[in-house]
Amino acid sequence: MKRWIWVFVLVFIISNTATAQKELSDYYYVLVPQQFEFLKGKDQYQLNTLTRHLFKNAGFNALFQEELENFPRCEGLTAEVVSNSNMFFTRLRVILKDCENRVVFQSVEGTTKEKDYKKAYHQALRKAFQSIEMLQLKQKNLEELRAKPILVNQNTINRNTIANKVVIEQNTKNSTFEISENRYLFEGENYSLKKSAGTFFLYRKASGNNTFEEVGVLTPTSREGMYLFVSNGKSTLANFDTNDNLIIDTIDASGNTVQQIYTLEK
């Protein structure tokens, strides 16, 4: 019985990873900016260079602006690294957007308590990229894009530039992560579930203060009502019952499937 449960979970993970991979693989490249909004200078702490390097290792054609040539913008994605850090934790998330500023992928939030800024940013970024590496993605060959005819619409470029600026300003205020929120209880602890662009982010209230630390991310699967829950690099399934309680499947020390039920506070 245990074996079939593991097979079922594995099939779901592979199936939904393949779905995400197909969507991202429709693009030829990812554009990495040379300065992120939360930093004070170009490639500060070499974080932009590291981002480009990690994208390449994950199967993307990662480019800086000067490497973009005349590639159509809608054939590629734009990468953003967003900071949700505080005085106790450094927290980074990687976001991929299309040319119309729609979010097509959000990584898990990489978190570290490291105090040195450069080490902290690098550690948090590498942790965030674990969910990207899990996709095992391979983008299209750039030579195919070079062979395509180039059609440039200057009005579209201007609109996209303005939209990019607006969305970045919104993200700086953390509005992206506060679209909707529910509070839950599990084993006597308080949790917060925030929804953004169809994705749920589960946070646990830290003991002794009012801050919340991320536990994991729920992304929808091809099966209605079923979610893929990723936490600490591990994946499992999750769903909501008729009372909107959150149910996450876990495997205990004996290898048995156990359901963790997070009760919605009303």
C-alpha atoms as a PDB file:
ATOM      1  CA  MET A   1       0.000   0.000   0.000  1.00  0.00           C
ATOM      2  CA  LYS A   2       2.779   2.404   0.915  1.00  0.00           C
ATOM      3  CA  ARG A   3       4.428   1.736  -2.412  1.00  0.00           C
ATOM      4  CA  TRP A   4       1.308   2.701  -4.378  1.00  0.00           C
ATOM      5  CA  ILE A   5       0.891   5.888  -2.343  1.00  0.00           C
ATOM      6  CA  TRP A   6       4.439   6.918  -3.209  1.00  0.00           C
ATOM      7  CA  VAL A   7       3.858   6.057  -6.891  1.00  0.00           C
ATOM      8  CA  PHE A   8       0.706   8.192  -6.899  1.00  0.00           C
ATOM      9  CA  VAL A   9       2.496  11.173  -5.350  1.00  0.00           C
ATOM     10  CA  LEU A  10       5.456  10.784  -7.700  1.00  0.00           C
ATOM     11  CA  VAL A  11       3.214  10.675 -10.787  1.00  0.00           C
ATOM     12  CA  PHE A  12       1.474  13.859  -9.694  1.00  0.00           C
ATOM     13  CA  ILE A  13       4.749  15.667  -9.055  1.00  0.00           C
ATOM     14  CA  ILE A  14       6.191  14.625 -12.411  1.00  0.00           C
ATOM     15  CA  SER A  15       2.947  15.477 -14.244  1.00  0.00           C
ATOM     16  CA  ASN A  16       2.635  18.957 -12.808  1.00  0.00           C
ATOM     17  CA  THR A  17       6.341  19.695 -13.072  1.00  0.00           C
ATOM     18  CA  ALA A  18       6.085  18.776 -16.751  1.00  0.00           C
ATOM     19  CA  THR A  19       3.149  21.195 -17.149  1.00  0.00           C
ATOM     20  CA  ALA A  20       5.150  24.089 -15.655  1.00  0.00           C
ATOM     21  CA  GLN A  21       8.152  23.074 -17.736  1.00  0.00           C
ATOM     22  CA  LYS A  22       6.124  23.179 -20.955  1.00  0.00           C
ATOM     23  CA  GLU A  23       4.840  26.693 -20.238  1.00  0.00           C
ATOM     24  CA  LEU A  24       8.289  28.099 -19.460  1.00  0.00           C
ATOM     25  CA  SER A  25       9.873  26.188 -22.320  1.00  0.00           C
ATOM     26  CA  ASP A  26       7.654  28.088 -24.772  1.00  0.00           C
ATOM     27  CA  TYR A  27      10.039  31.023 -24.264  1.00  0.00           C
ATOM     28  CA  TYR A  28      13.530  31.418 -25.698  1.00  0.00           C
ATOM     29  CA  TYR A  29      15.271  33.346 -22.940  1.00  0.00           C
ATOM     30  CA  VAL A  30      15.019  35.146 -19.612  1.00  0.00           C
ATOM     31  CA  LEU A  31      16.177  38.740 -19.257  1.00  0.00           C
ATOM     32  CA  VAL A  32      18.036  39.421 -16.006  1.00  0.00           C
ATOM     33  CA  PRO A  33      18.211  43.102 -14.963  1.00  0.00           C
ATOM     34  CA  GLN A  34      21.563  44.461 -13.841  1.00  0.00           C
ATOM     35  CA  GLN A  35      20.063  46.010 -10.721  1.00  0.00           C
ATOM     36  CA  PHE A  36      17.217  44.789  -8.504  1.00  0.00           C
ATOM     37  CA  GLU A  37      14.828  47.315  -6.985  1.00  0.00           C
ATOM     38  CA  PHE A  38      15.641  46.523  -3.358  1.00  0.00           C
ATOM     39  CA  LEU A  39      19.388  47.085  -3.848  1.00  0.00           C
ATOM     40  CA  LYS A  40      21.243  50.403  -4.147  1.00  0.00           C
ATOM     41  CA  GLY A  41      23.568  49.765  -7.062  1.00  0.00           C
ATOM     42  CA  LYS A  42      24.200  47.862 -10.258  1.00  0.00           C
ATOM     43  CA  ASP A  43      24.969  44.206  -9.525  1.00  0.00           C
ATOM     44  CA  GLN A  44      25.376  44.989  -5.823  1.00  0.00           C
ATOM     45  CA  TYR A  45      26.785  41.975  -3.926  1.00  0.00           C
ATOM     46  CA  GLN A  46      27.111  40.355  -7.391  1.00  0.00           C
ATOM     47  CA  LEU A  47      23.488  39.247  -6.945  1.00  0.00           C
ATOM     48  CA  ASN A  48      22.490  39.920 -10.558  1.00  0.00           C
ATOM     49  CA  THR A  49      25.501  37.988 -11.853  1.00  0.00           C
ATOM     50  CA  LEU A  50      24.636  35.094  -9.538  1.00  0.00           C
ATOM     51  CA  THR A  51      21.003  35.180 -10.708  1.00  0.00           C
ATOM     52  CA  ARG A  52      22.089  34.915 -14.340  1.00  0.00           C
ATOM     53  CA  HIS A  53      24.482  32.069 -13.459  1.00  0.00           C
ATOM     54  CA  LEU A  54      21.803  30.114 -11.558  1.00  0.00           C
ATOM     55  CA  PHE A  55      19.302  30.530 -14.399  1.00  0.00           C
ATOM     56  CA  LYS A  56      21.846  29.145 -16.856  1.00  0.00           C
ATOM     57  CA  ASN A  57      22.513  26.183 -14.604  1.00  0.00           C
ATOM     58  CA  ALA A  58      18.756  25.583 -14.457  1.00  0.00           C
ATOM     59  CA  GLY A  59      18.428  25.315 -18.263  1.00  0.00           C
ATOM     60  CA  PHE A  60      17.521  28.903 -19.177  1.00  0.00           C
ATOM     61  CA  ASN A  61      19.112  31.159 -21.778  1.00  0.00           C
ATOM     62  CA  ALA A  62      19.819  33.960 -19.289  1.00  0.00           C
ATOM     63  CA  LEU A  63      20.765  37.327 -20.791  1.00  0.00           C
ATOM     64  CA  PHE A  64      21.693  40.793 -19.586  1.00  0.00           C
ATOM     65  CA  GLN A  65      20.292  43.774 -21.500  1.00  0.00           C
ATOM     66  CA  GLU A  66      23.437  44.238 -23.617  1.00  0.00           C
ATOM     67  CA  GLU A  67      23.195  40.599 -24.727  1.00  0.00           C
ATOM     68  CA  LEU A  68      19.571  40.903 -25.830  1.00  0.00           C
ATOM     69  CA  GLU A  69      20.386  41.743 -29.491  1.00  0.00           C
ATOM     70  CA  ASN A  70      17.120  42.379 -31.375  1.00  0.00           C
ATOM     71  CA  PHE A  71      15.231  39.510 -29.799  1.00  0.00           C
ATOM     72  CA  PRO A  72      11.460  40.151 -29.552  1.00  0.00           C
ATOM     73  CA  ARG A  73      10.516  40.795 -25.935  1.00  0.00           C
ATOM     74  CA  CYS A  74       7.450  38.571 -26.083  1.00  0.00           C
ATOM     75  CA  GLU A  75       9.659  35.606 -26.952  1.00  0.00           C
ATOM     76  CA  GLY A  76      11.329  35.922 -23.556  1.00  0.00           C
ATOM     77  CA  LEU A  77      10.644  36.335 -19.870  1.00  0.00           C
ATOM     78  CA  THR A  78      11.841  38.970 -17.434  1.00  0.00           C
ATOM     79  CA  ALA A  79      13.265  37.930 -14.063  1.00  0.00           C
ATOM     80  CA  GLU A  80      12.685  39.820 -10.847  1.00  0.00           C
ATOM     81  CA  VAL A  81      14.150  39.090  -7.429  1.00  0.00           C
ATOM     82  CA  VAL A  82      11.892  40.444  -4.684  1.00  0.00           C
ATOM     83  CA  SER A  83      12.993  40.918  -1.087  1.00  0.00           C
ATOM     84  CA  ASN A  84      10.665  40.343   1.848  1.00  0.00           C
ATOM     85  CA  SER A  85      13.461  40.657   4.410  1.00  0.00           C
ATOM     86  CA  ASN A  86      13.361  42.011   7.946  1.00  0.00           C
ATOM     87  CA  MET A  87      15.892  42.520  10.748  1.00  0.00           C
ATOM     88  CA  PHE A  88      15.878  38.810  11.583  1.00  0.00           C
ATOM     89  CA  PHE A  89      15.707  37.074   8.190  1.00  0.00           C
ATOM     90  CA  THR A  90      16.841  37.653   4.621  1.00  0.00           C
ATOM     91  CA  ARG A  91      14.066  36.466   2.316  1.00  0.00           C
ATOM     92  CA  LEU A  92      14.217  36.440  -1.485  1.00  0.00           C
ATOM     93  CA  ARG A  93      11.827  35.186  -4.130  1.00  0.00           C
ATOM     94  CA  VAL A  94      12.368  34.857  -7.888  1.00  0.00           C
ATOM     95  CA  ILE A  95       9.505  35.908 -10.169  1.00  0.00           C
ATOM     96  CA  LEU A  96       9.222  35.375 -13.932  1.00  0.00           C
ATOM     97  CA  LYS A  97       6.943  37.604 -16.010  1.00  0.00           C
ATOM     98  CA  ASP A  98       5.994  37.674 -19.680  1.00  0.00           C
ATOM     99  CA  CYS A  99       6.074  40.762 -21.897  1.00  0.00           C
ATOM    100  CA  GLU A 100       2.631  41.819 -20.620  1.00  0.00           C
ATOM    101  CA  ASN A 101       3.809  41.684 -17.009  1.00  0.00           C
ATOM    102  CA  ARG A 102       1.788  38.599 -16.168  1.00  0.00           C
ATOM    103  CA  VAL A 103       3.420  36.377 -13.561  1.00  0.00           C
ATOM    104  CA  VAL A 104       4.096  32.960 -15.098  1.00  0.00           C
ATOM    105  CA  PHE A 105       6.179  31.529 -12.260  1.00  0.00           C
ATOM    106  CA  GLN A 106       7.097  32.302  -8.652  1.00  0.00           C
ATOM    107  CA  SER A 107       9.769  30.429  -6.757  1.00  0.00           C
ATOM    108  CA  VAL A 108       9.633  29.409  -3.134  1.00  0.00           C
ATOM    109  CA  GLU A 109      11.001  32.027  -0.750  1.00  0.00           C
ATOM    110  CA  GLY A 110      14.648  31.457   0.120  1.00  0.00           C
ATOM    111  CA  THR A 111      15.302  32.332   3.766  1.00  0.00           C
ATOM    112  CA  THR A 112      18.434  32.645   5.895  1.00  0.00           C
ATOM    113  CA  LYS A 113      19.479  34.120   9.254  1.00  0.00           C
ATOM    114  CA  GLU A 114      23.006  34.922   7.989  1.00  0.00           C
ATOM    115  CA  LYS A 115      24.001  38.455   9.058  1.00  0.00           C
ATOM    116  CA  ASP A 116      26.622  39.253   6.404  1.00  0.00           C
ATOM    117  CA  TYR A 117      24.680  40.910   3.563  1.00  0.00           C
ATOM    118  CA  LYS A 118      26.453  39.303   0.624  1.00  0.00           C
ATOM    119  CA  LYS A 119      26.437  35.816   2.146  1.00  0.00           C
ATOM    120  CA  ALA A 120      22.800  36.216   3.187  1.00  0.00           C
ATOM    121  CA  TYR A 121      21.608  37.319  -0.264  1.00  0.00           C
ATOM    122  CA  HIS A 122      23.541  34.526  -1.976  1.00  0.00           C
ATOM    123  CA  GLN A 123      22.245  31.871   0.416  1.00  0.00           C
ATOM    124  CA  ALA A 124      18.632  33.034   0.141  1.00  0.00           C
ATOM    125  CA  LEU A 125      18.823  33.233  -3.651  1.00  0.00           C
ATOM    126  CA  ARG A 126      20.263  29.728  -3.981  1.00  0.00           C
ATOM    127  CA  LYS A 127      17.486  28.372  -1.757  1.00  0.00           C
ATOM    128  CA  ALA A 128      14.853  30.125  -3.886  1.00  0.00           C
ATOM    129  CA  PHE A 129      16.360  28.585  -7.021  1.00  0.00           C
ATOM    130  CA  GLN A 130      15.857  25.056  -5.680  1.00  0.00           C
ATOM    131  CA  SER A 131      12.233  25.178  -6.833  1.00  0.00           C
ATOM    132  CA  ILE A 132      13.366  26.372 -10.280  1.00  0.00           C
ATOM    133  CA  GLU A 133      15.960  23.631 -10.606  1.00  0.00           C
ATOM    134  CA  MET A 134      13.256  21.066  -9.814  1.00  0.00           C
ATOM    135  CA  LEU A 135      11.578  21.953 -13.131  1.00  0.00           C
ATOM    136  CA  GLN A 136      14.508  20.378 -15.043  1.00  0.00           C
ATOM    137  CA  LEU A 137      13.810  22.837 -17.829  1.00  0.00           C
ATOM    138  CA  LYS A 138      15.522  23.359 -21.179  1.00  0.00           C
ATOM    139  CA  GLN A 139      14.603  26.497 -23.098  1.00  0.00           C
ATOM    140  CA  LYS A 140      14.536  26.705 -26.888  1.00  0.00           C
ATOM    141  CA  ASN A 141      17.686  27.246 -28.925  1.00  0.00           C
ATOM    142  CA  LEU A 142      18.453  30.944 -29.429  1.00  0.00           C
ATOM    143  CA  GLU A 143      19.637  30.227 -32.966  1.00  0.00           C
ATOM    144  CA  GLU A 144      16.017  29.492 -33.893  1.00  0.00           C
ATOM    145  CA  LEU A 145      15.036  32.926 -32.609  1.00  0.00           C
ATOM    146  CA  ARG A 146      17.813  34.625 -34.557  1.00  0.00           C
ATOM    147  CA  ALA A 147      16.437  33.055 -37.728  1.00  0.00           C
ATOM    148  CA  LYS A 148      12.944  34.469 -37.170  1.00  0.00           C
ATOM    149  CA  PRO A 149      11.846  37.732 -38.823  1.00  0.00           C
ATOM    150  CA  ILE A 150      11.877  40.664 -36.377  1.00  0.00           C
ATOM    151  CA  LEU A 151       8.716  42.724 -35.931  1.00  0.00           C
ATOM    152  CA  VAL A 152       9.017  45.671 -33.568  1.00  0.00           C
ATOM    153  CA  ASN A 153       6.044  47.654 -32.297  1.00  0.00           C
ATOM    154  CA  GLN A 154       7.383  50.751 -30.538  1.00  0.00           C
ATOM    155  CA  ASN A 155       4.039  51.515 -28.854  1.00  0.00           C
ATOM    156  CA  THR A 156       3.961  48.051 -27.303  1.00  0.00           C
ATOM    157  CA  ILE A 157       7.515  48.484 -26.036  1.00  0.00           C
ATOM    158  CA  ASN A 158       6.634  51.806 -24.413  1.00  0.00           C
ATOM    159  CA  ARG A 159       3.505  50.375 -22.776  1.00  0.00           C
ATOM    160  CA  ASN A 160       5.450  47.431 -21.408  1.00  0.00           C
ATOM    161  CA  THR A 161       8.159  49.701 -20.004  1.00  0.00           C
ATOM    162  CA  ILE A 162       5.586  51.796 -18.152  1.00  0.00           C
ATOM    163  CA  ALA A 163       3.766  48.698 -16.887  1.00  0.00           C
ATOM    164  CA  ASN A 164       7.031  47.218 -15.638  1.00  0.00           C
ATOM    165  CA  LYS A 165       7.705  50.322 -13.565  1.00  0.00           C
ATOM    166  CA  VAL A 166       4.222  50.260 -12.020  1.00  0.00           C
ATOM    167  CA  VAL A 167       4.403  46.586 -11.068  1.00  0.00           C
ATOM    168  CA  ILE A 168       7.890  46.958  -9.565  1.00  0.00           C
ATOM    169  CA  GLU A 169       6.674  49.865  -7.436  1.00  0.00           C
ATOM    170  CA  GLN A 170       3.728  47.776  -6.271  1.00  0.00           C
ATOM    171  CA  ASN A 171       5.975  44.858  -5.396  1.00  0.00           C
ATOM    172  CA  THR A 172       8.250  47.169  -3.393  1.00  0.00           C
ATOM    173  CA  LYS A 173       5.250  47.883  -1.181  1.00  0.00           C
ATOM    174  CA  ASN A 174       4.584  44.133  -0.871  1.00  0.00           C
ATOM    175  CA  SER A 175       1.086  44.606  -2.355  1.00  0.00           C
ATOM    176  CA  THR A 176       1.561  41.503  -4.506  1.00  0.00           C
ATOM    177  CA  PHE A 177       1.610  39.263  -1.441  1.00  0.00           C
ATOM    178  CA  GLU A 178      -1.416  40.845   0.258  1.00  0.00           C
ATOM    179  CA  ILE A 179      -4.135  40.244  -2.332  1.00  0.00           C
ATOM    180  CA  SER A 180      -6.094  37.902  -0.032  1.00  0.00           C
ATOM    181  CA  GLU A 181      -5.276  36.320   3.300  1.00  0.00           C
ATOM    182  CA  ASN A 182      -6.768  33.728   5.660  1.00  0.00           C
ATOM    183  CA  ARG A 183      -5.603  32.735   9.123  1.00  0.00           C
ATOM    184  CA  TYR A 184      -5.302  29.089  10.215  1.00  0.00           C
ATOM    185  CA  LEU A 185      -4.513  27.094  13.358  1.00  0.00           C
ATOM    186  CA  PHE A 186      -2.424  23.918  13.430  1.00  0.00           C
ATOM    187  CA  GLU A 187      -1.112  22.180  16.557  1.00  0.00           C
ATOM    188  CA  GLY A 188      -1.675  25.335  18.601  1.00  0.00           C
ATOM    189  CA  GLU A 189       0.300  27.609  16.242  1.00  0.00           C
ATOM    190  CA  ASN A 190      -0.956  30.466  14.083  1.00  0.00           C
ATOM    191  CA  TYR A 191      -0.557  30.389  10.307  1.00  0.00           C
ATOM    192  CA  SER A 192      -1.298  32.823   7.512  1.00  0.00           C
ATOM    193  CA  LEU A 193      -2.240  31.754   3.972  1.00  0.00           C
ATOM    194  CA  LYS A 194      -1.821  34.448   1.333  1.00  0.00           C
ATOM    195  CA  LYS A 195      -2.937  34.130  -2.286  1.00  0.00           C
ATOM    196  CA  SER A 196      -1.221  35.812  -5.236  1.00  0.00           C
ATOM    197  CA  ALA A 197      -1.798  35.089  -8.947  1.00  0.00           C
ATOM    198  CA  GLY A 198      -3.396  31.707  -8.216  1.00  0.00           C
ATOM    199  CA  THR A 199      -0.554  30.637  -5.922  1.00  0.00           C
ATOM    200  CA  PHE A 200      -0.867  30.246  -2.132  1.00  0.00           C
ATOM    201  CA  PHE A 201       1.931  31.054   0.328  1.00  0.00           C
ATOM    202  CA  LEU A 202       1.759  29.475   3.793  1.00  0.00           C
ATOM    203  CA  TYR A 203       3.396  31.376   6.673  1.00  0.00           C
ATOM    204  CA  ARG A 204       3.843  30.439  10.341  1.00  0.00           C
ATOM    205  CA  LYS A 205       3.835  33.064  13.086  1.00  0.00           C
ATOM    206  CA  ALA A 206       7.233  33.218  14.743  1.00  0.00           C
ATOM    207  CA  SER A 207       7.283  32.680  18.484  1.00  0.00           C
ATOM    208  CA  GLY A 208       7.903  35.776  20.601  1.00  0.00           C
ATOM    209  CA  ASN A 209       7.071  38.383  17.949  1.00  0.00           C
ATOM    210  CA  ASN A 210       4.516  39.290  15.303  1.00  0.00           C
ATOM    211  CA  THR A 211       6.557  38.298  12.259  1.00  0.00           C
ATOM    212  CA  PHE A 212       5.667  35.391   9.972  1.00  0.00           C
ATOM    213  CA  GLU A 213       8.104  32.955   8.351  1.00  0.00           C
ATOM    214  CA  GLU A 214       7.290  31.072   5.154  1.00  0.00           C
ATOM    215  CA  VAL A 215       6.502  27.369   5.456  1.00  0.00           C
ATOM    216  CA  GLY A 216       5.793  26.488   1.825  1.00  0.00           C
ATOM    217  CA  VAL A 217       4.047  27.265  -1.462  1.00  0.00           C
ATOM    218  CA  LEU A 218       0.912  25.709  -2.984  1.00  0.00           C
ATOM    219  CA  THR A 219       0.525  25.790  -6.762  1.00  0.00           C
ATOM    220  CA  PRO A 220      -2.544  24.450  -8.631  1.00  0.00           C
ATOM    221  CA  THR A 221      -2.279  21.142 -10.494  1.00  0.00           C
ATOM    222  CA  SER A 222      -4.187  19.899 -13.549  1.00  0.00           C
ATOM    223  CA  ARG A 223      -6.613  18.143 -11.170  1.00  0.00           C
ATOM    224  CA  GLU A 224      -9.293  20.536  -9.922  1.00  0.00           C
ATOM    225  CA  GLY A 225      -8.979  21.351  -6.241  1.00  0.00           C
ATOM    226  CA  MET A 226      -5.590  19.646  -5.880  1.00  0.00           C
ATOM    227  CA  TYR A 227      -2.361  21.568  -5.187  1.00  0.00           C
ATOM    228  CA  LEU A 228       1.338  20.794  -5.210  1.00  0.00           C
ATOM    229  CA  PHE A 229       2.825  21.816  -1.868  1.00  0.00           C
ATOM    230  CA  VAL A 230       6.569  22.557  -1.814  1.00  0.00           C
ATOM    231  CA  SER A 231       8.356  23.054   1.510  1.00  0.00           C
ATOM    232  CA  ASN A 232      12.096  22.882   2.205  1.00  0.00           C
ATOM    233  CA  GLY A 233      12.685  21.428  -1.261  1.00  0.00           C
ATOM    234  CA  LYS A 234      10.192  18.574  -0.700  1.00  0.00           C
ATOM    235  CA  SER A 235       6.903  18.171  -2.590  1.00  0.00           C
ATOM    236  CA  THR A 236       3.577  16.640  -1.621  1.00  0.00           C
ATOM    237  CA  LEU A 237      -0.142  17.154  -2.298  1.00  0.00           C
ATOM    238  CA  ALA A 238      -2.659  19.453  -0.636  1.00  0.00           C
ATOM    239  CA  ASN A 239      -6.314  20.464  -0.929  1.00  0.00           C
ATOM    240  CA  PHE A 240      -9.099  22.379   0.826  1.00  0.00           C
ATOM    241  CA  ASP A 241     -12.126  20.646   2.364  1.00  0.00           C
ATOM    242  CA  THR A 242     -15.723  21.912   2.188  1.00  0.00           C
ATOM    243  CA  ASN A 243     -15.082  24.186   5.193  1.00  0.00           C
ATOM    244  CA  ASP A 244     -11.972  25.703   3.543  1.00  0.00           C
ATOM    245  CA  ASN A 245      -9.657  23.951   5.994  1.00  0.00           C
ATOM    246  CA  LEU A 246      -6.248  23.289   4.447  1.00  0.00           C
ATOM    247  CA  ILE A 247      -5.224  19.617   4.257  1.00  0.00           C
ATOM    248  CA  ILE A 248      -1.588  18.765   3.486  1.00  0.00           C
ATOM    249  CA  ASP A 249      -0.412  15.177   2.960  1.00  0.00           C
ATOM    250  CA  THR A 250       2.847  14.278   4.688  1.00  0.00           C
ATOM    251  CA  ILE A 251       4.847  11.101   5.232  1.00  0.00           C
ATOM    252  CA  ASP A 252       5.638  10.173   8.841  1.00  0.00           C
ATOM    253  CA  ALA A 253       8.782   8.441  10.119  1.00  0.00           C
ATOM    254  CA  SER A 254       7.242   5.026   9.408  1.00  0.00           C
ATOM    255  CA  GLY A 255       6.522   5.867   5.781  1.00  0.00           C
ATOM    256  CA  ASN A 256       2.758   6.233   6.294  1.00  0.00           C
ATOM    257  CA  THR A 257       0.736   9.012   4.684  1.00  0.00           C
ATOM    258  CA  VAL A 258      -0.590  11.440   7.311  1.00  0.00           C
ATOM    259  CA  GLN A 259      -2.906  14.385   6.744  1.00  0.00           C
ATOM    260  CA  GLN A 260      -2.094  17.656   8.495  1.00  0.00           C
ATOM    261  CA  ILE A 261      -5.297  19.681   8.879  1.00  0.00           C
ATOM    262  CA  TYR A 262      -4.921  23.460   9.206  1.00  0.00           C
ATOM    263  CA  THR A 263      -8.214  24.797  10.623  1.00  0.00           C
ATOM    264  CA  LEU A 264      -9.559  28.030   9.171  1.00  0.00           C
ATOM    265  CA  GLU A 265     -10.177  30.742  11.748  1.00  0.00           C
ATOM    266  CA  LYS A 266     -13.622  32.269  11.306  1.00  0.00           C
END
